C-alpha cells in the first residue's frame, strides 16, 4: 500500500464537509456550462478529443455488444458519451448519460439522439439496481466527487459480475514535462479560463483539484480495496491524463 496521504475527495474553497463540497462543485459547473465545450478544446489544444476517442476504443468489445448496459457518469456536456455512441451498433440498448450539474446535462442532452438517455443524478447515489451494468465510464469528473472511495464502491455495486469501470482523468506527470505542465496548469490555464468564461472560481479550482486527486498508485490501491480486479492505469500524453480500468470479477 502506498504510504503517501490520500484525500477523501474534492474540496473546493469554502467547503467544510462532503455535502458543501458537492454543492460547490455543482454550482461551479453550472456556471461555466455555456462555454464549457469551447474552453475544454482551447485549454487542452484539442487533445481532449483524442483522449475520449482512446478511452472509448479500449472498451470497444463491450460497446459493440447491442445488449450491453452502459452508464457514462459525470457526463458533463456529453463528449465521452458521444465517443461511446460512435462505437455502438444501431439498435443497441441506449447509453445512460448522467450528471448532477443541470446546466451541463442540458447541453449534453442536446447532442444525443435516441441512442442515449440523459438522467440527472449523483455519482455517489446511482439510480440503477445492483449488478445491472456492464460498463461504467467517467471522463474528467471522478476527481470532483466529494468522496472517491464512496464513488468506487457505488460503481462496484452497480456493475454485474463481468462489469468494467473506466475512469479517465488528469494526473501530474514528472520530469521536465511535469514542470512545464504544472506552470501552464497553475498560471496560464486559469487566466485563459477566466478571460473566456468571465468566471474565476472553476479555473482556480481545477489545478488544486488535480493536485488533491490521488496518484495513480493510490487510485489503483483504492480500486483494489473496494473489490476491483485487474486494475490498470494507462497514461495519455506523457501522463497529463490517464485511464484507470478495473473489472468486478
Protein backbone atom coordinates (compact mmCIF):
# COMPACT_ATOMS: atom_id res chain seq x y z
CA UNK A 1 0.00 0.00 0.00
CA UNK A 2 1.45 3.42 -0.95
CA UNK A 3 2.41 5.45 2.09
CA UNK A 4 1.53 8.95 0.84
CA UNK A 5 -1.53 10.60 2.32
CA UNK A 6 -4.75 10.23 0.34
CA UNK A 7 -7.51 12.83 0.08
CA UNK A 8 -11.04 11.69 0.83
CA UNK A 9 -12.45 13.69 -2.06
CA UNK A 10 -12.71 17.06 -3.78
CA UNK A 11 -12.73 20.09 -1.53
CA UNK A 12 -13.34 23.47 -3.23
CA UNK A 13 -12.51 26.62 -1.28
CA UNK A 14 -15.04 27.22 1.46
CA UNK A 15 -16.30 23.63 1.59
CA UNK A 16 -16.49 22.27 5.13
CA UNK A 17 -17.82 18.77 4.52
CA UNK A 18 -18.81 16.39 1.72
CA UNK A 19 -22.22 17.99 1.22
CA UNK A 20 -20.91 21.55 0.86
CA UNK A 21 -18.10 20.27 -1.41
CA UNK A 22 -20.64 18.61 -3.72
CA UNK A 23 -22.82 21.72 -3.82
CA UNK A 24 -19.82 23.92 -4.61
CA UNK A 25 -18.76 21.65 -7.49
CA UNK A 26 -22.31 21.55 -8.82
CA UNK A 27 -22.57 25.34 -8.73
CA UNK A 28 -19.21 25.83 -10.46
CA UNK A 29 -20.03 23.55 -13.37
CA UNK A 30 -23.48 25.02 -13.84
CA UNK A 31 -21.82 28.45 -14.02
CA UNK A 32 -19.36 27.52 -16.78
CA UNK A 33 -21.71 25.25 -18.76
CA UNK A 34 -22.41 27.77 -21.58
CA UNK A 35 -18.73 27.88 -22.57
CA UNK A 36 -17.55 24.54 -21.24
CA UNK A 37 -17.01 22.85 -24.61
CA UNK A 38 -15.11 25.81 -26.07
CA UNK A 39 -12.91 26.12 -23.01
CA UNK A 40 -12.14 22.40 -22.93
CA UNK A 41 -10.94 22.39 -26.52
CA UNK A 42 -8.98 25.65 -26.24
CA UNK A 43 -7.31 24.85 -22.92
CA UNK A 44 -6.33 21.32 -23.99
CA UNK A 45 -5.41 22.42 -27.52
CA UNK A 46 -7.95 19.85 -28.77
CA UNK A 47 -6.02 16.92 -27.25
CA UNK A 48 -9.11 16.14 -25.17
CA UNK A 49 -10.83 14.79 -28.30
CA UNK A 50 -8.05 12.22 -28.66
CA UNK A 51 -8.35 11.21 -25.01
CA UNK A 52 -12.09 10.47 -25.32
CA UNK A 53 -11.54 8.54 -28.54
CA UNK A 54 -8.75 6.42 -26.99
CA UNK A 55 -10.78 5.67 -23.88
CA UNK A 56 -13.80 4.57 -25.91
CA UNK A 57 -11.62 2.37 -28.11
CA UNK A 58 -10.37 0.47 -25.05
CA UNK A 59 -13.91 -0.73 -24.34
CA UNK A 60 -14.86 -1.50 -27.93
CA UNK A 61 -15.62 -5.16 -27.20
CA UNK A 62 -18.34 -4.15 -24.74
CA UNK A 63 -19.54 -1.16 -26.75
CA UNK A 64 -20.07 -3.32 -29.83
CA UNK A 65 -22.47 -5.60 -27.94
CA UNK A 66 -26.01 -4.33 -28.62
CA UNK A 67 -27.26 -5.69 -25.28
CA UNK A 68 -24.52 -4.05 -23.18
CA UNK A 69 -25.84 -1.76 -20.46
CA UNK A 70 -23.61 1.30 -20.20
CA UNK A 71 -23.52 4.32 -17.91
CA UNK A 72 -21.40 7.40 -18.59
CA UNK A 73 -21.44 9.15 -15.21
CA UNK A 74 -20.36 12.77 -14.66
CA UNK A 75 -21.00 13.07 -18.39
CA UNK A 76 -20.90 16.86 -18.42
CA UNK A 77 -21.77 18.15 -21.87
CA UNK A 78 -21.55 14.67 -23.32
CA UNK A 79 -18.25 14.38 -25.15
CA UNK A 80 -17.34 10.99 -23.66
CA UNK A 81 -20.90 9.81 -24.27
CA UNK A 82 -20.62 10.82 -27.93
CA UNK A 83 -17.32 8.94 -28.26
CA UNK A 84 -19.09 5.87 -26.85
CA UNK A 85 -22.06 6.23 -29.19
CA UNK A 86 -19.79 6.22 -32.23
CA UNK A 87 -18.88 2.62 -31.36
CA UNK A 88 -22.43 1.43 -30.61
CA UNK A 89 -24.24 -0.53 -33.34
CA UNK A 90 -27.68 0.58 -34.49
CA UNK A 91 -30.49 -0.86 -32.40
CA UNK A 92 -28.39 -1.09 -29.24
CA UNK A 93 -29.75 -0.51 -25.75
CA UNK A 94 -29.49 3.26 -25.13
CA UNK A 95 -26.50 4.52 -23.14
CA UNK A 96 -27.32 6.27 -19.86
CA UNK A 97 -25.60 9.67 -19.63
CA UNK A 98 -25.78 11.16 -16.16
CA UNK A 99 -24.58 14.27 -14.35
CA UNK A 100 -25.72 16.23 -11.30
CA UNK A 101 -24.99 19.67 -12.81
CA UNK A 102 -28.27 20.52 -14.55
CA UNK A 103 -26.93 23.10 -17.00
CA UNK A 104 -24.15 20.77 -18.13
CA UNK A 105 -26.59 17.91 -18.66
CA UNK A 106 -28.98 20.09 -20.67
CA UNK A 107 -26.21 20.87 -23.12
CA UNK A 108 -25.14 17.25 -23.29
CA UNK A 109 -28.69 16.04 -23.92
CA UNK A 110 -28.95 18.39 -26.91
CA UNK A 111 -26.17 16.36 -28.61
CA UNK A 112 -27.74 12.96 -28.05
CA UNK A 113 -30.26 11.17 -30.20
CA UNK A 114 -32.45 8.24 -29.18
CA UNK A 115 -29.30 6.17 -28.56
CA UNK A 116 -28.61 7.90 -25.22
CA UNK A 117 -30.81 8.89 -22.29
CA UNK A 118 -29.84 11.86 -20.12
CA UNK A 119 -30.54 11.45 -16.39
CA UNK A 120 -29.77 13.99 -13.66
CA UNK A 121 -28.24 12.10 -10.75
CA UNK A 122 -25.40 11.99 -8.23
CA UNK A 123 -22.43 9.67 -8.88
CA UNK A 124 -22.48 8.63 -5.21
CA UNK A 125 -26.13 7.52 -5.49
CA UNK A 126 -26.60 5.95 -8.91
CA UNK A 127 -30.25 5.42 -9.98
CA UNK A 128 -29.63 1.82 -11.06
CA UNK A 129 -30.14 -1.60 -9.49
CA UNK A 130 -27.35 -3.72 -8.03
CA UNK A 131 -25.27 -5.58 -10.61
CA UNK A 132 -27.22 -4.10 -13.51
CA UNK A 133 -24.48 -2.55 -15.68
CA UNK A 134 -21.81 -3.95 -17.98
CA UNK A 135 -19.70 -0.78 -18.16
CA UNK A 136 -19.34 2.48 -16.26
CA UNK A 137 -17.23 5.26 -17.72
CA UNK A 138 -16.43 8.72 -16.43
CA UNK A 139 -14.21 11.34 -18.06
CA UNK A 140 -12.70 14.21 -16.06
CA UNK A 141 -15.45 14.07 -13.48
CA UNK A 142 -14.38 11.49 -10.93
CA UNK A 143 -11.84 13.76 -9.24
CA UNK A 144 -14.70 16.17 -8.46
CA UNK A 145 -16.51 13.64 -6.27
CA UNK A 146 -16.70 14.58 -2.61
CA UNK A 147 -15.65 11.04 -1.62
CA UNK A 148 -13.52 8.99 -4.02
CA UNK A 149 -13.81 5.66 -2.22
CA UNK A 150 -17.59 6.01 -1.88
CA UNK A 151 -17.76 6.63 -5.62
CA UNK A 152 -15.77 3.49 -6.39
CA UNK A 153 -17.94 1.44 -4.04
CA UNK A 154 -21.07 2.71 -5.75
CA UNK A 155 -19.64 1.83 -9.18
CA UNK A 156 -18.74 -1.64 -7.87
CA UNK A 157 -22.29 -2.13 -6.55
CA UNK A 158 -23.88 -1.22 -9.90
CA UNK A 159 -21.68 -3.41 -12.11
CA UNK A 160 -22.54 -7.00 -12.86
CA UNK A 161 -20.12 -9.87 -12.25
CA UNK A 162 -18.28 -9.28 -15.54
CA UNK A 163 -18.62 -5.50 -15.50
CA UNK A 164 -15.84 -2.98 -16.13
CA UNK A 165 -15.09 0.54 -15.00
CA UNK A 166 -13.11 3.17 -16.90
CA UNK A 167 -12.05 6.41 -15.19
CA UNK A 168 -10.36 8.98 -17.42
CA UNK A 169 -8.89 11.90 -15.51
CA UNK A 170 -5.98 14.28 -15.13
CA UNK A 171 -2.71 13.40 -13.45
CA UNK A 172 0.53 15.18 -12.55
CA UNK A 173 3.41 13.95 -14.73
CA UNK A 174 7.00 14.02 -13.52
CA UNK A 175 10.22 15.30 -15.06
CA UNK A 176 10.57 18.35 -17.29
CA UNK A 177 7.16 17.67 -18.85
CA UNK A 178 5.65 17.78 -15.39
CA UNK A 179 7.29 21.10 -14.58
CA UNK A 180 6.10 22.71 -17.83
CA UNK A 181 2.64 21.27 -17.35
CA UNK A 182 2.46 22.48 -13.76
CA UNK A 183 3.41 26.03 -14.80
CA UNK A 184 0.78 26.06 -17.54
CA UNK A 185 -1.86 24.48 -15.34
CA UNK A 186 -1.35 26.79 -12.36
CA UNK A 187 -0.61 30.06 -14.14
CA UNK A 188 -1.71 30.21 -17.77
CA UNK A 189 -4.79 27.97 -17.80
CA UNK A 190 -6.69 29.80 -15.01
CA UNK A 191 -6.05 33.15 -16.72
CA UNK A 192 -7.35 31.92 -20.09
CA UNK A 193 -10.32 30.22 -18.46
CA UNK A 194 -11.21 33.37 -16.54
CA UNK A 195 -10.90 35.54 -19.66
CA UNK A 196 -13.08 33.30 -21.84
CA UNK A 197 -15.71 32.37 -19.27
CA UNK A 198 -15.86 35.50 -17.15
CA UNK A 199 -15.82 33.25 -14.07
CA UNK A 200 -12.84 32.91 -11.72
CA UNK A 201 -13.64 30.08 -9.31
CA UNK A 202 -13.75 27.00 -11.55
CA UNK A 203 -10.39 27.61 -13.22
CA UNK A 204 -8.66 28.35 -9.95
CA UNK A 205 -10.23 25.16 -8.58
CA UNK A 206 -9.07 22.98 -11.50
CA UNK A 207 -5.33 22.90 -10.67
CA UNK A 208 -6.00 22.35 -6.98
CA UNK A 209 -8.42 19.50 -7.75
CA UNK A 210 -5.75 17.71 -9.79
CA UNK A 211 -3.15 18.26 -7.07
CA UNK A 212 -5.56 16.81 -4.49
CA UNK A 213 -6.51 13.83 -6.66
CA UNK A 214 -4.82 10.51 -5.71
CA UNK A 215 -1.72 9.47 -7.61
CA UNK A 216 -2.13 6.52 -10.00
CA UNK A 217 -0.61 4.16 -7.41
CA UNK A 218 -3.04 5.30 -4.73
CA UNK A 219 -6.03 5.13 -7.06
CA UNK A 220 -5.16 1.58 -8.09
CA UNK A 221 -4.77 0.58 -4.44
CA UNK A 222 -8.14 2.12 -3.62
CA UNK A 223 -9.80 0.33 -6.53
CA UNK A 224 -8.43 -2.97 -5.27
CA UNK A 225 -9.57 -2.20 -1.74
CA UNK A 226 -13.21 -1.79 -2.79
CA UNK A 227 -13.09 -5.05 -4.76
CA UNK A 228 -12.00 -4.28 -8.32
CA UNK A 229 -9.69 -6.78 -10.03
CA UNK A 230 -7.17 -6.46 -12.87
CA UNK A 231 -6.72 -2.76 -12.15
CA UNK A 232 -4.50 -0.76 -14.51
CA UNK A 233 -3.60 2.83 -15.33
CA UNK A 234 -2.63 3.87 -18.86
CA UNK A 235 -1.04 7.33 -19.18
CA UNK A 236 -2.12 9.62 -22.02
CA UNK A 237 0.04 12.45 -23.42
CA UNK A 238 3.09 11.97 -21.17
CA UNK A 239 0.89 11.35 -18.14
CA UNK A 240 -1.06 14.60 -18.29
CA UNK A 241 -4.14 12.39 -18.24
CA UNK A 242 -4.70 8.67 -17.89
CA UNK A 243 -7.26 5.89 -17.92
CA UNK A 244 -7.92 3.73 -14.86
CA UNK A 245 -9.53 0.36 -15.55
CA UNK A 246 -10.85 -2.41 -13.38
CA UNK A 247 -13.18 -5.39 -13.52
CA UNK A 248 -15.65 -6.51 -10.91
CA UNK A 249 -14.77 -10.18 -11.17
